[in-house]
Amino acid sequence: MAQISSLDKEIESLELPIERDQFLRTVIRELAGTLQDVVGVEEAAGFLNVVGYRTGQHVNQIYHNALQLSNLSREQVTAVLVDWKRRIQGDFYVIEETDEKIVLGNRKCPFAEQVEGREAMCVMTSNIFGAIAADNLGYARVELEDTIARGGQECKVVIHLKPSEASEEFIGQEYFKL
């Protein structure tokens, strides 16, 4: 039987800022940073697009199952997006909600300080929001107007729900129901 040495006890008793959540945020930050440094912000965002979209499909299915619904209304989509971010320690809130768009603000990024300077990490939010909105409402164009990663005090995310000539002027990623 192995004995615990005094050195092991000393190390174990240290108060360190090391725990699973912080570790995983750091891993994602370093992955995004490495991708940005090696292939550039746009290419890094492309890789994270795939991960974010698949994650969005997964999150969407979790809510469908929990609500026992095959499709969500616009109001339910908005509530799900805000709730999901709350559950992962974000602080999203509704600024505006119409048939044409959902505008969300955010006071606290789930990635905390790890997101600063890592714009590619915001692609995760864009893709998850886009996947959920498009799957339920048929179409979404997500515009990251302002982000904490780019140095903003808060994030502002606009989810356009209808393709239109006017929306063509907005920068954003488009999503369609599969």
N, C-alpha and C. Protein backbone atom coordinates (compact mmCIF):
# COMPACT_ATOMS: atom_id res chain seq x y z
N MET A 1 0.84 -1.16 0.00
CA MET A 1 0.00 0.00 0.00
C MET A 1 0.90 1.24 0.00
N ALA A 2 0.64 2.18 -0.87
CA ALA A 2 1.45 3.38 -0.99
C ALA A 2 1.13 4.35 0.14
N GLN A 3 2.18 4.93 0.69
CA GLN A 3 2.00 5.91 1.74
C GLN A 3 2.11 7.31 1.14
N ILE A 4 1.38 8.22 1.75
CA ILE A 4 1.44 9.61 1.31
C ILE A 4 2.56 10.28 2.09
N SER A 5 3.53 10.80 1.35
CA SER A 5 4.67 11.44 2.01
C SER A 5 4.30 12.84 2.49
N SER A 6 5.14 13.39 3.30
CA SER A 6 4.90 14.75 3.79
C SER A 6 4.98 15.75 2.63
N LEU A 7 5.83 15.48 1.65
CA LEU A 7 5.92 16.35 0.48
C LEU A 7 4.60 16.31 -0.30
N ASP A 8 4.04 15.11 -0.47
CA ASP A 8 2.75 14.98 -1.16
C ASP A 8 1.67 15.77 -0.42
N LYS A 9 1.65 15.66 0.91
CA LYS A 9 0.66 16.38 1.71
C LYS A 9 0.86 17.90 1.58
N GLU A 10 2.11 18.33 1.58
CA GLU A 10 2.40 19.76 1.45
C GLU A 10 1.91 20.29 0.10
N ILE A 11 2.21 19.56 -0.96
CA ILE A 11 1.80 19.98 -2.30
C ILE A 11 0.28 19.98 -2.40
N GLU A 12 -0.35 18.95 -1.88
CA GLU A 12 -1.81 18.83 -1.93
C GLU A 12 -2.52 19.95 -1.17
N SER A 13 -1.90 20.45 -0.12
CA SER A 13 -2.55 21.48 0.69
C SER A 13 -2.37 22.90 0.14
N LEU A 14 -1.60 23.07 -0.92
CA LEU A 14 -1.40 24.40 -1.50
C LEU A 14 -2.70 24.96 -2.05
N GLU A 15 -2.93 26.24 -1.80
CA GLU A 15 -4.09 26.94 -2.37
C GLU A 15 -3.66 27.48 -3.73
N LEU A 16 -4.05 26.80 -4.79
CA LEU A 16 -3.64 27.17 -6.14
C LEU A 16 -4.87 27.45 -7.02
N PRO A 17 -4.72 28.37 -7.94
CA PRO A 17 -5.83 28.66 -8.87
C PRO A 17 -5.89 27.63 -10.00
N ILE A 18 -5.91 26.39 -9.63
CA ILE A 18 -5.95 25.31 -10.62
C ILE A 18 -7.19 24.48 -10.34
N GLU A 19 -8.09 24.46 -11.34
CA GLU A 19 -9.26 23.59 -11.27
C GLU A 19 -9.70 23.32 -12.70
N ARG A 20 -10.59 22.40 -12.87
CA ARG A 20 -10.97 21.92 -14.19
C ARG A 20 -11.47 23.02 -15.12
N ASP A 21 -12.38 23.85 -14.65
CA ASP A 21 -12.95 24.88 -15.51
C ASP A 21 -11.88 25.85 -16.01
N GLN A 22 -11.05 26.32 -15.12
CA GLN A 22 -9.97 27.24 -15.51
C GLN A 22 -9.02 26.56 -16.47
N PHE A 23 -8.70 25.31 -16.21
CA PHE A 23 -7.81 24.55 -17.09
C PHE A 23 -8.39 24.44 -18.50
N LEU A 24 -9.68 24.08 -18.61
CA LEU A 24 -10.29 23.93 -19.93
C LEU A 24 -10.38 25.26 -20.67
N ARG A 25 -10.67 26.35 -19.98
CA ARG A 25 -10.67 27.67 -20.63
C ARG A 25 -9.28 28.02 -21.13
N THR A 26 -8.28 27.68 -20.35
CA THR A 26 -6.90 27.94 -20.77
C THR A 26 -6.54 27.11 -21.99
N VAL A 27 -6.93 25.85 -22.03
CA VAL A 27 -6.66 25.00 -23.18
C VAL A 27 -7.31 25.58 -24.44
N ILE A 28 -8.57 25.99 -24.33
CA ILE A 28 -9.27 26.56 -25.49
C ILE A 28 -8.60 27.87 -25.92
N ARG A 29 -8.21 28.70 -24.96
CA ARG A 29 -7.53 29.96 -25.29
C ARG A 29 -6.23 29.68 -26.03
N GLU A 30 -5.44 28.76 -25.52
CA GLU A 30 -4.15 28.46 -26.16
C GLU A 30 -4.34 27.81 -27.52
N LEU A 31 -5.35 26.98 -27.66
CA LEU A 31 -5.66 26.38 -28.97
C LEU A 31 -6.04 27.48 -29.96
N ALA A 32 -6.94 28.37 -29.55
CA ALA A 32 -7.36 29.46 -30.43
C ALA A 32 -6.18 30.37 -30.74
N GLY A 33 -5.37 30.68 -29.75
CA GLY A 33 -4.21 31.54 -29.96
C GLY A 33 -3.20 30.93 -30.88
N THR A 34 -2.95 29.65 -30.71
CA THR A 34 -2.00 28.95 -31.58
C THR A 34 -2.52 28.93 -33.01
N LEU A 35 -3.79 28.63 -33.18
CA LEU A 35 -4.37 28.66 -34.53
C LEU A 35 -4.26 30.06 -35.14
N GLN A 36 -4.60 31.09 -34.37
CA GLN A 36 -4.50 32.46 -34.87
C GLN A 36 -3.07 32.80 -35.28
N ASP A 37 -2.10 32.40 -34.45
CA ASP A 37 -0.70 32.71 -34.73
C ASP A 37 -0.16 31.94 -35.93
N VAL A 38 -0.59 30.70 -36.09
CA VAL A 38 -0.05 29.85 -37.15
C VAL A 38 -0.76 30.08 -38.49
N VAL A 39 -2.08 30.14 -38.47
CA VAL A 39 -2.82 30.23 -39.74
C VAL A 39 -3.56 31.55 -39.92
N GLY A 40 -3.57 32.41 -38.90
CA GLY A 40 -4.26 33.70 -38.98
C GLY A 40 -5.65 33.63 -38.36
N VAL A 41 -6.19 34.81 -38.05
CA VAL A 41 -7.48 34.89 -37.36
C VAL A 41 -8.59 34.28 -38.21
N GLU A 42 -8.62 34.58 -39.51
CA GLU A 42 -9.71 34.08 -40.36
C GLU A 42 -9.69 32.56 -40.46
N GLU A 43 -8.52 31.98 -40.66
CA GLU A 43 -8.43 30.52 -40.76
C GLU A 43 -8.73 29.86 -39.41
N ALA A 44 -8.25 30.46 -38.32
CA ALA A 44 -8.55 29.92 -36.98
C ALA A 44 -10.05 29.92 -36.76
N ALA A 45 -10.69 31.02 -37.16
CA ALA A 45 -12.15 31.11 -37.04
C ALA A 45 -12.82 30.01 -37.84
N GLY A 46 -12.26 29.68 -38.99
CA GLY A 46 -12.82 28.60 -39.82
C GLY A 46 -12.81 27.26 -39.11
N PHE A 47 -11.71 26.94 -38.46
CA PHE A 47 -11.63 25.69 -37.70
C PHE A 47 -12.65 25.70 -36.56
N LEU A 48 -12.72 26.83 -35.86
CA LEU A 48 -13.64 26.92 -34.73
C LEU A 48 -15.09 26.99 -35.18
N ASN A 49 -15.33 27.40 -36.44
CA ASN A 49 -16.69 27.38 -37.00
C ASN A 49 -17.27 25.98 -36.92
N VAL A 50 -16.49 25.01 -37.34
CA VAL A 50 -16.96 23.63 -37.37
C VAL A 50 -17.28 23.14 -35.97
N VAL A 51 -16.38 23.39 -35.04
CA VAL A 51 -16.59 22.97 -33.66
C VAL A 51 -17.82 23.66 -33.07
N GLY A 52 -17.94 24.96 -33.29
CA GLY A 52 -19.07 25.71 -32.77
C GLY A 52 -20.40 25.26 -33.34
N TYR A 53 -20.43 25.01 -34.64
CA TYR A 53 -21.68 24.59 -35.26
C TYR A 53 -22.13 23.23 -34.73
N ARG A 54 -21.20 22.31 -34.62
CA ARG A 54 -21.54 20.98 -34.08
C ARG A 54 -21.98 21.08 -32.62
N THR A 55 -21.33 21.94 -31.87
CA THR A 55 -21.72 22.16 -30.48
C THR A 55 -23.12 22.76 -30.43
N GLY A 56 -23.41 23.70 -31.33
CA GLY A 56 -24.74 24.30 -31.40
C GLY A 56 -25.82 23.27 -31.67
N GLN A 57 -25.55 22.35 -32.57
CA GLN A 57 -26.52 21.29 -32.86
C GLN A 57 -26.75 20.44 -31.61
N HIS A 58 -25.69 20.16 -30.88
CA HIS A 58 -25.78 19.35 -29.67
C HIS A 58 -26.60 20.09 -28.59
N VAL A 59 -26.28 21.36 -28.37
CA VAL A 59 -27.01 22.16 -27.37
C VAL A 59 -28.48 22.26 -27.75
N ASN A 60 -28.75 22.50 -29.02
CA ASN A 60 -30.12 22.59 -29.51
C ASN A 60 -30.89 21.31 -29.20
N GLN A 61 -30.27 20.18 -29.44
CA GLN A 61 -30.93 18.89 -29.18
C GLN A 61 -31.21 18.70 -27.69
N ILE A 62 -30.29 19.15 -26.85
CA ILE A 62 -30.50 19.05 -25.39
C ILE A 62 -31.77 19.81 -24.99
N TYR A 63 -31.93 21.03 -25.50
CA TYR A 63 -33.12 21.82 -25.17
C TYR A 63 -34.38 21.22 -25.78
N HIS A 64 -34.29 20.72 -27.01
CA HIS A 64 -35.46 20.07 -27.63
C HIS A 64 -35.92 18.91 -26.76
N ASN A 65 -34.97 18.10 -26.33
CA ASN A 65 -35.32 16.94 -25.49
C ASN A 65 -35.91 17.38 -24.16
N ALA A 66 -35.29 18.34 -23.52
CA ALA A 66 -35.75 18.78 -22.20
C ALA A 66 -37.14 19.42 -22.27
N LEU A 67 -37.39 20.18 -23.34
CA LEU A 67 -38.69 20.84 -23.50
C LEU A 67 -39.71 19.94 -24.18
N GLN A 68 -39.26 18.79 -24.65
CA GLN A 68 -40.10 17.83 -25.38
C GLN A 68 -40.77 18.50 -26.57
N LEU A 69 -39.94 19.22 -27.34
CA LEU A 69 -40.41 19.91 -28.54
C LEU A 69 -39.50 19.55 -29.71
N SER A 70 -40.07 19.54 -30.89
CA SER A 70 -39.25 19.29 -32.07
C SER A 70 -38.79 20.60 -32.71
N ASN A 71 -39.40 21.70 -32.32
CA ASN A 71 -39.05 23.00 -32.87
C ASN A 71 -39.34 24.07 -31.82
N LEU A 72 -38.52 25.12 -31.81
CA LEU A 72 -38.70 26.21 -30.86
C LEU A 72 -39.19 27.46 -31.58
N SER A 73 -40.00 28.24 -30.91
CA SER A 73 -40.45 29.53 -31.43
C SER A 73 -39.32 30.55 -31.27
N ARG A 74 -39.49 31.73 -31.85
CA ARG A 74 -38.49 32.78 -31.71
C ARG A 74 -38.27 33.12 -30.23
N GLU A 75 -39.35 33.25 -29.49
CA GLU A 75 -39.25 33.58 -28.08
C GLU A 75 -38.49 32.48 -27.32
N GLN A 76 -38.77 31.23 -27.66
CA GLN A 76 -38.07 30.12 -27.02
C GLN A 76 -36.59 30.09 -27.41
N VAL A 77 -36.30 30.38 -28.67
CA VAL A 77 -34.90 30.44 -29.11
C VAL A 77 -34.16 31.50 -28.29
N THR A 78 -34.74 32.67 -28.17
CA THR A 78 -34.11 33.75 -27.40
C THR A 78 -33.87 33.30 -25.96
N ALA A 79 -34.88 32.72 -25.34
CA ALA A 79 -34.75 32.26 -23.95
C ALA A 79 -33.68 31.17 -23.83
N VAL A 80 -33.61 30.27 -24.80
CA VAL A 80 -32.61 29.20 -24.78
C VAL A 80 -31.20 29.79 -24.90
N LEU A 81 -31.00 30.74 -25.80
CA LEU A 81 -29.67 31.33 -25.97
C LEU A 81 -29.21 32.01 -24.68
N VAL A 82 -30.08 32.76 -24.06
CA VAL A 82 -29.74 33.45 -22.82
C VAL A 82 -29.49 32.43 -21.70
N ASP A 83 -30.36 31.41 -21.61
CA ASP A 83 -30.21 30.38 -20.57
C ASP A 83 -28.93 29.59 -20.75
N TRP A 84 -28.63 29.20 -21.98
CA TRP A 84 -27.42 28.42 -22.22
C TRP A 84 -26.18 29.20 -21.77
N LYS A 85 -26.12 30.47 -22.15
CA LYS A 85 -24.97 31.27 -21.75
C LYS A 85 -24.91 31.44 -20.23
N ARG A 86 -26.07 31.58 -19.59
CA ARG A 86 -26.10 31.67 -18.12
C ARG A 86 -25.52 30.42 -17.49
N ARG A 87 -25.89 29.28 -18.04
CA ARG A 87 -25.43 28.00 -17.49
C ARG A 87 -23.93 27.82 -17.61
N ILE A 88 -23.33 28.48 -18.60
CA ILE A 88 -21.87 28.37 -18.75
C ILE A 88 -21.17 29.63 -18.23
N GLN A 89 -21.86 30.37 -17.38
CA GLN A 89 -21.32 31.52 -16.65
C GLN A 89 -21.10 32.76 -17.50
N GLY A 90 -21.92 32.92 -18.54
CA GLY A 90 -21.97 34.18 -19.27
C GLY A 90 -23.07 35.02 -18.65
N ASP A 91 -23.22 36.23 -19.14
CA ASP A 91 -24.26 37.12 -18.61
C ASP A 91 -24.95 37.83 -19.78
N PHE A 92 -25.58 37.03 -20.63
CA PHE A 92 -26.28 37.57 -21.79
C PHE A 92 -27.67 38.05 -21.39
N TYR A 93 -28.14 39.06 -22.09
CA TYR A 93 -29.47 39.62 -21.84
C TYR A 93 -30.04 40.13 -23.16
N VAL A 94 -31.36 40.25 -23.21
CA VAL A 94 -32.05 40.67 -24.43
C VAL A 94 -32.06 42.19 -24.50
N ILE A 95 -31.57 42.72 -25.62
CA ILE A 95 -31.64 44.15 -25.90
C ILE A 95 -32.88 44.43 -26.75
N GLU A 96 -33.11 43.56 -27.73
CA GLU A 96 -34.24 43.74 -28.65
C GLU A 96 -34.61 42.38 -29.24
N GLU A 97 -35.91 42.20 -29.47
CA GLU A 97 -36.38 40.97 -30.10
C GLU A 97 -37.57 41.31 -30.99
N THR A 98 -37.42 41.06 -32.29
CA THR A 98 -38.49 41.28 -33.26
C THR A 98 -38.52 40.09 -34.21
N ASP A 99 -39.46 40.12 -35.15
CA ASP A 99 -39.52 39.06 -36.16
C ASP A 99 -38.28 39.08 -37.05
N GLU A 100 -37.61 40.23 -37.15
CA GLU A 100 -36.44 40.37 -38.02
C GLU A 100 -35.12 40.04 -37.34
N LYS A 101 -35.05 40.27 -36.01
CA LYS A 101 -33.77 40.04 -35.35
C LYS A 101 -33.91 39.87 -33.85
N ILE A 102 -32.88 39.26 -33.30
CA ILE A 102 -32.71 39.14 -31.86
C ILE A 102 -31.38 39.82 -31.56
N VAL A 103 -31.39 40.78 -30.65
CA VAL A 103 -30.15 41.48 -30.27
C VAL A 103 -29.88 41.17 -28.81
N LEU A 104 -28.70 40.61 -28.57
CA LEU A 104 -28.31 40.23 -27.21
C LEU A 104 -27.07 41.00 -26.79
N GLY A 105 -27.04 41.37 -25.52
CA GLY A 105 -25.85 41.96 -24.92
C GLY A 105 -25.24 40.95 -23.97
N ASN A 106 -24.01 41.18 -23.60
CA ASN A 106 -23.34 40.28 -22.68
C ASN A 106 -22.36 41.07 -21.82
N ARG A 107 -22.50 40.92 -20.50
CA ARG A 107 -21.63 41.63 -19.57
C ARG A 107 -20.46 40.80 -19.08
N LYS A 108 -20.50 39.49 -19.36
CA LYS A 108 -19.46 38.61 -18.81
C LYS A 108 -19.27 37.41 -19.73
N CYS A 109 -18.06 37.26 -20.25
CA CYS A 109 -17.76 36.15 -21.14
C CYS A 109 -17.55 34.85 -20.34
N PRO A 110 -18.11 33.74 -20.81
CA PRO A 110 -17.88 32.46 -20.14
C PRO A 110 -16.39 32.06 -20.12
N PHE A 111 -15.63 32.58 -21.09
CA PHE A 111 -14.20 32.29 -21.13
C PHE A 111 -13.40 33.23 -20.22
N ALA A 112 -14.10 34.16 -19.57
CA ALA A 112 -13.49 35.14 -18.65
C ALA A 112 -12.34 35.87 -19.34
N GLU A 113 -11.28 36.11 -18.60
CA GLU A 113 -10.15 36.86 -19.15
C GLU A 113 -9.42 36.10 -20.26
N GLN A 114 -9.69 34.81 -20.36
CA GLN A 114 -9.01 34.00 -21.38
C GLN A 114 -9.39 34.42 -22.80
N VAL A 115 -10.51 35.12 -22.97
CA VAL A 115 -10.98 35.51 -24.30
C VAL A 115 -10.26 36.74 -24.85
N GLU A 116 -9.66 37.53 -23.97
CA GLU A 116 -9.04 38.78 -24.40
C GLU A 116 -7.96 38.52 -25.45
N GLY A 117 -8.10 39.18 -26.59
CA GLY A 117 -7.16 39.02 -27.68
C GLY A 117 -7.33 37.76 -28.50
N ARG A 118 -8.38 37.02 -28.24
CA ARG A 118 -8.63 35.75 -28.95
C ARG A 118 -9.98 35.82 -29.65
N GLU A 119 -10.08 36.67 -30.66
CA GLU A 119 -11.33 36.87 -31.38
C GLU A 119 -11.90 35.57 -31.94
N ALA A 120 -11.04 34.66 -32.30
CA ALA A 120 -11.51 33.40 -32.88
C ALA A 120 -12.41 32.64 -31.91
N MET A 121 -12.26 32.86 -30.61
CA MET A 121 -13.10 32.17 -29.64
C MET A 121 -14.55 32.63 -29.73
N CYS A 122 -14.77 33.87 -30.20
CA CYS A 122 -16.13 34.39 -30.35
C CYS A 122 -16.91 33.65 -31.44
N VAL A 123 -16.18 33.01 -32.32
CA VAL A 123 -16.82 32.23 -33.38
C VAL A 123 -17.64 31.10 -32.78
N MET A 124 -17.23 30.62 -31.62
CA MET A 124 -18.00 29.57 -30.95
C MET A 124 -19.40 30.06 -30.65
N THR A 125 -19.50 31.26 -30.07
CA THR A 125 -20.81 31.84 -29.75
C THR A 125 -21.61 32.05 -31.03
N SER A 126 -20.99 32.63 -32.03
CA SER A 126 -21.68 32.90 -33.30
C SER A 126 -22.26 31.62 -33.88
N ASN A 127 -21.48 30.57 -33.91
CA ASN A 127 -21.93 29.32 -34.51
C ASN A 127 -22.99 28.62 -33.68
N ILE A 128 -22.86 28.65 -32.39
CA ILE A 128 -23.87 28.01 -31.54
C ILE A 128 -25.18 28.76 -31.66
N PHE A 129 -25.13 30.09 -31.56
CA PHE A 129 -26.34 30.89 -31.74
C PHE A 129 -26.93 30.67 -33.13
N GLY A 130 -26.09 30.69 -34.16
CA GLY A 130 -26.56 30.52 -35.53
C GLY A 130 -27.18 29.15 -35.77
N ALA A 131 -26.56 28.11 -35.25
CA ALA A 131 -27.08 26.76 -35.43
C ALA A 131 -28.45 26.61 -34.77
N ILE A 132 -28.59 27.11 -33.55
CA ILE A 132 -29.85 26.99 -32.82
C ILE A 132 -30.94 27.82 -33.50
N ALA A 133 -30.64 29.07 -33.84
CA ALA A 133 -31.64 29.94 -34.47
C ALA A 133 -32.06 29.39 -35.84
N ALA A 134 -31.11 29.01 -36.68
CA ALA A 134 -31.44 28.53 -38.02
C ALA A 134 -32.21 27.21 -37.97
N ASP A 135 -31.79 26.31 -37.10
CA ASP A 135 -32.47 25.02 -37.03
C ASP A 135 -33.94 25.18 -36.64
N ASN A 136 -34.22 26.15 -35.80
CA ASN A 136 -35.59 26.33 -35.33
C ASN A 136 -36.40 27.33 -36.14
N LEU A 137 -35.73 28.33 -36.69
CA LEU A 137 -36.44 29.42 -37.36
C LEU A 137 -36.18 29.47 -38.87
N GLY A 138 -35.31 28.59 -39.36
CA GLY A 138 -35.06 28.47 -40.79
C GLY A 138 -33.85 29.21 -41.31
N TYR A 139 -33.50 30.31 -40.68
CA TYR A 139 -32.38 31.13 -41.16
C TYR A 139 -31.84 31.97 -40.01
N ALA A 140 -30.54 32.23 -40.05
CA ALA A 140 -29.92 33.16 -39.11
C ALA A 140 -28.66 33.74 -39.74
N ARG A 141 -28.44 34.98 -39.47
CA ARG A 141 -27.18 35.63 -39.84
C ARG A 141 -26.69 36.30 -38.56
N VAL A 142 -25.57 35.83 -38.06
CA VAL A 142 -25.08 36.31 -36.77
C VAL A 142 -23.96 37.33 -36.98
N GLU A 143 -24.15 38.47 -36.38
CA GLU A 143 -23.19 39.57 -36.46
C GLU A 143 -22.67 39.85 -35.06
N LEU A 144 -21.37 39.79 -34.90
CA LEU A 144 -20.73 40.12 -33.63
C LEU A 144 -20.35 41.59 -33.69
N GLU A 145 -21.30 42.45 -33.30
CA GLU A 145 -21.08 43.90 -33.40
C GLU A 145 -19.95 44.37 -32.51
N ASP A 146 -19.92 43.88 -31.30
CA ASP A 146 -18.86 44.24 -30.36
C ASP A 146 -18.58 43.02 -29.50
N THR A 147 -17.31 42.86 -29.11
CA THR A 147 -16.97 41.72 -28.28
C THR A 147 -15.94 42.11 -27.22
N ILE A 148 -15.98 41.41 -26.13
CA ILE A 148 -15.00 41.58 -25.07
C ILE A 148 -13.62 41.17 -25.60
N ALA A 149 -13.58 40.17 -26.46
CA ALA A 149 -12.31 39.71 -27.03
C ALA A 149 -11.61 40.81 -27.81
N ARG A 150 -12.38 41.68 -28.45
CA ARG A 150 -11.80 42.81 -29.21
C ARG A 150 -11.60 44.04 -28.33
N GLY A 151 -11.79 43.91 -27.03
CA GLY A 151 -11.56 45.01 -26.12
C GLY A 151 -12.80 45.76 -25.69
N GLY A 152 -13.97 45.32 -26.11
CA GLY A 152 -15.21 45.98 -25.71
C GLY A 152 -15.52 45.72 -24.24
N GLN A 153 -16.29 46.64 -23.65
CA GLN A 153 -16.72 46.46 -22.27
C GLN A 153 -17.74 45.33 -22.18
N GLU A 154 -18.54 45.20 -23.23
CA GLU A 154 -19.56 44.16 -23.32
C GLU A 154 -19.57 43.62 -24.74
N CYS A 155 -20.29 42.54 -24.92
CA CYS A 155 -20.53 42.01 -26.27
C CYS A 155 -21.91 42.47 -26.73
N LYS A 156 -22.04 42.62 -28.03
CA LYS A 156 -23.35 42.86 -28.63
C LYS A 156 -23.44 41.95 -29.85
N VAL A 157 -24.44 41.06 -29.82
CA VAL A 157 -24.62 40.07 -30.87
C VAL A 157 -25.99 40.29 -31.51
N VAL A 158 -25.99 40.44 -32.82
CA VAL A 158 -27.24 40.61 -33.56
C VAL A 158 -27.47 39.35 -34.38
N ILE A 159 -28.64 38.74 -34.18
CA ILE A 159 -29.02 37.54 -34.92
C ILE A 159 -30.15 37.95 -35.86
N HIS A 160 -29.81 38.12 -37.14
CA HIS A 160 -30.81 38.49 -38.15
C HIS A 160 -31.56 37.21 -38.51
N LEU A 161 -32.88 37.28 -38.53
CA LEU A 161 -33.71 36.09 -38.72
C LEU A 161 -34.27 35.95 -40.12
N LYS A 162 -34.09 36.97 -40.94
CA LYS A 162 -34.61 36.93 -42.30
C LYS A 162 -33.55 37.47 -43.25
N PRO A 163 -33.30 36.75 -44.34
CA PRO A 163 -32.38 37.31 -45.33
C PRO A 163 -33.04 38.52 -45.99
N SER A 164 -32.28 39.55 -46.22
CA SER A 164 -32.83 40.74 -46.88
C SER A 164 -31.70 41.54 -47.49
N GLU A 165 -32.07 42.43 -48.38
CA GLU A 165 -31.09 43.33 -48.99
C GLU A 165 -30.38 44.12 -47.90
N ALA A 166 -31.14 44.60 -46.92
CA ALA A 166 -30.56 45.42 -45.85
C ALA A 166 -29.55 44.62 -45.04
N SER A 167 -29.82 43.33 -44.81
CA SER A 167 -28.89 42.54 -44.00
C SER A 167 -27.60 42.25 -44.74
N GLU A 168 -27.59 42.42 -46.06
CA GLU A 168 -26.38 42.17 -46.83
C GLU A 168 -25.24 43.12 -46.43
N GLU A 169 -25.57 44.30 -45.92
CA GLU A 169 -24.55 45.25 -45.54
C GLU A 169 -23.90 44.88 -44.20
N PHE A 170 -24.52 44.01 -43.45
CA PHE A 170 -23.97 43.61 -42.17
C PHE A 170 -22.96 42.49 -42.34
N ILE A 171 -21.88 42.58 -41.64
CA ILE A 171 -20.90 41.51 -41.64
C ILE A 171 -21.44 40.43 -40.72
N GLY A 172 -21.33 39.20 -41.13
CA GLY A 172 -21.80 38.13 -40.27
C GLY A 172 -21.77 36.80 -40.99
N GLN A 173 -22.00 35.78 -40.25
CA GLN A 173 -22.02 34.41 -40.76
C GLN A 173 -23.47 33.99 -40.94
N GLU A 174 -23.78 33.39 -42.08
CA GLU A 174 -25.14 32.93 -42.35
C GLU A 174 -25.29 31.45 -42.01
N TYR A 175 -26.49 31.11 -41.56
CA TYR A 175 -26.82 29.73 -41.20
C TYR A 175 -28.19 29.41 -41.76
N PHE A 176 -28.36 28.18 -42.22
CA PHE A 176 -29.62 27.74 -42.81
C PHE A 176 -30.04 26.43 -42.16
N LYS A 177 -31.34 26.22 -42.08
CA LYS A 177 -31.86 24.97 -41.54
C LYS A 177 -31.46 23.84 -42.48
N LEU A 178 -30.95 22.78 -41.92
CA LEU A 178 -30.55 21.61 -42.73
C LEU A 178 -31.72 20.73 -43.03
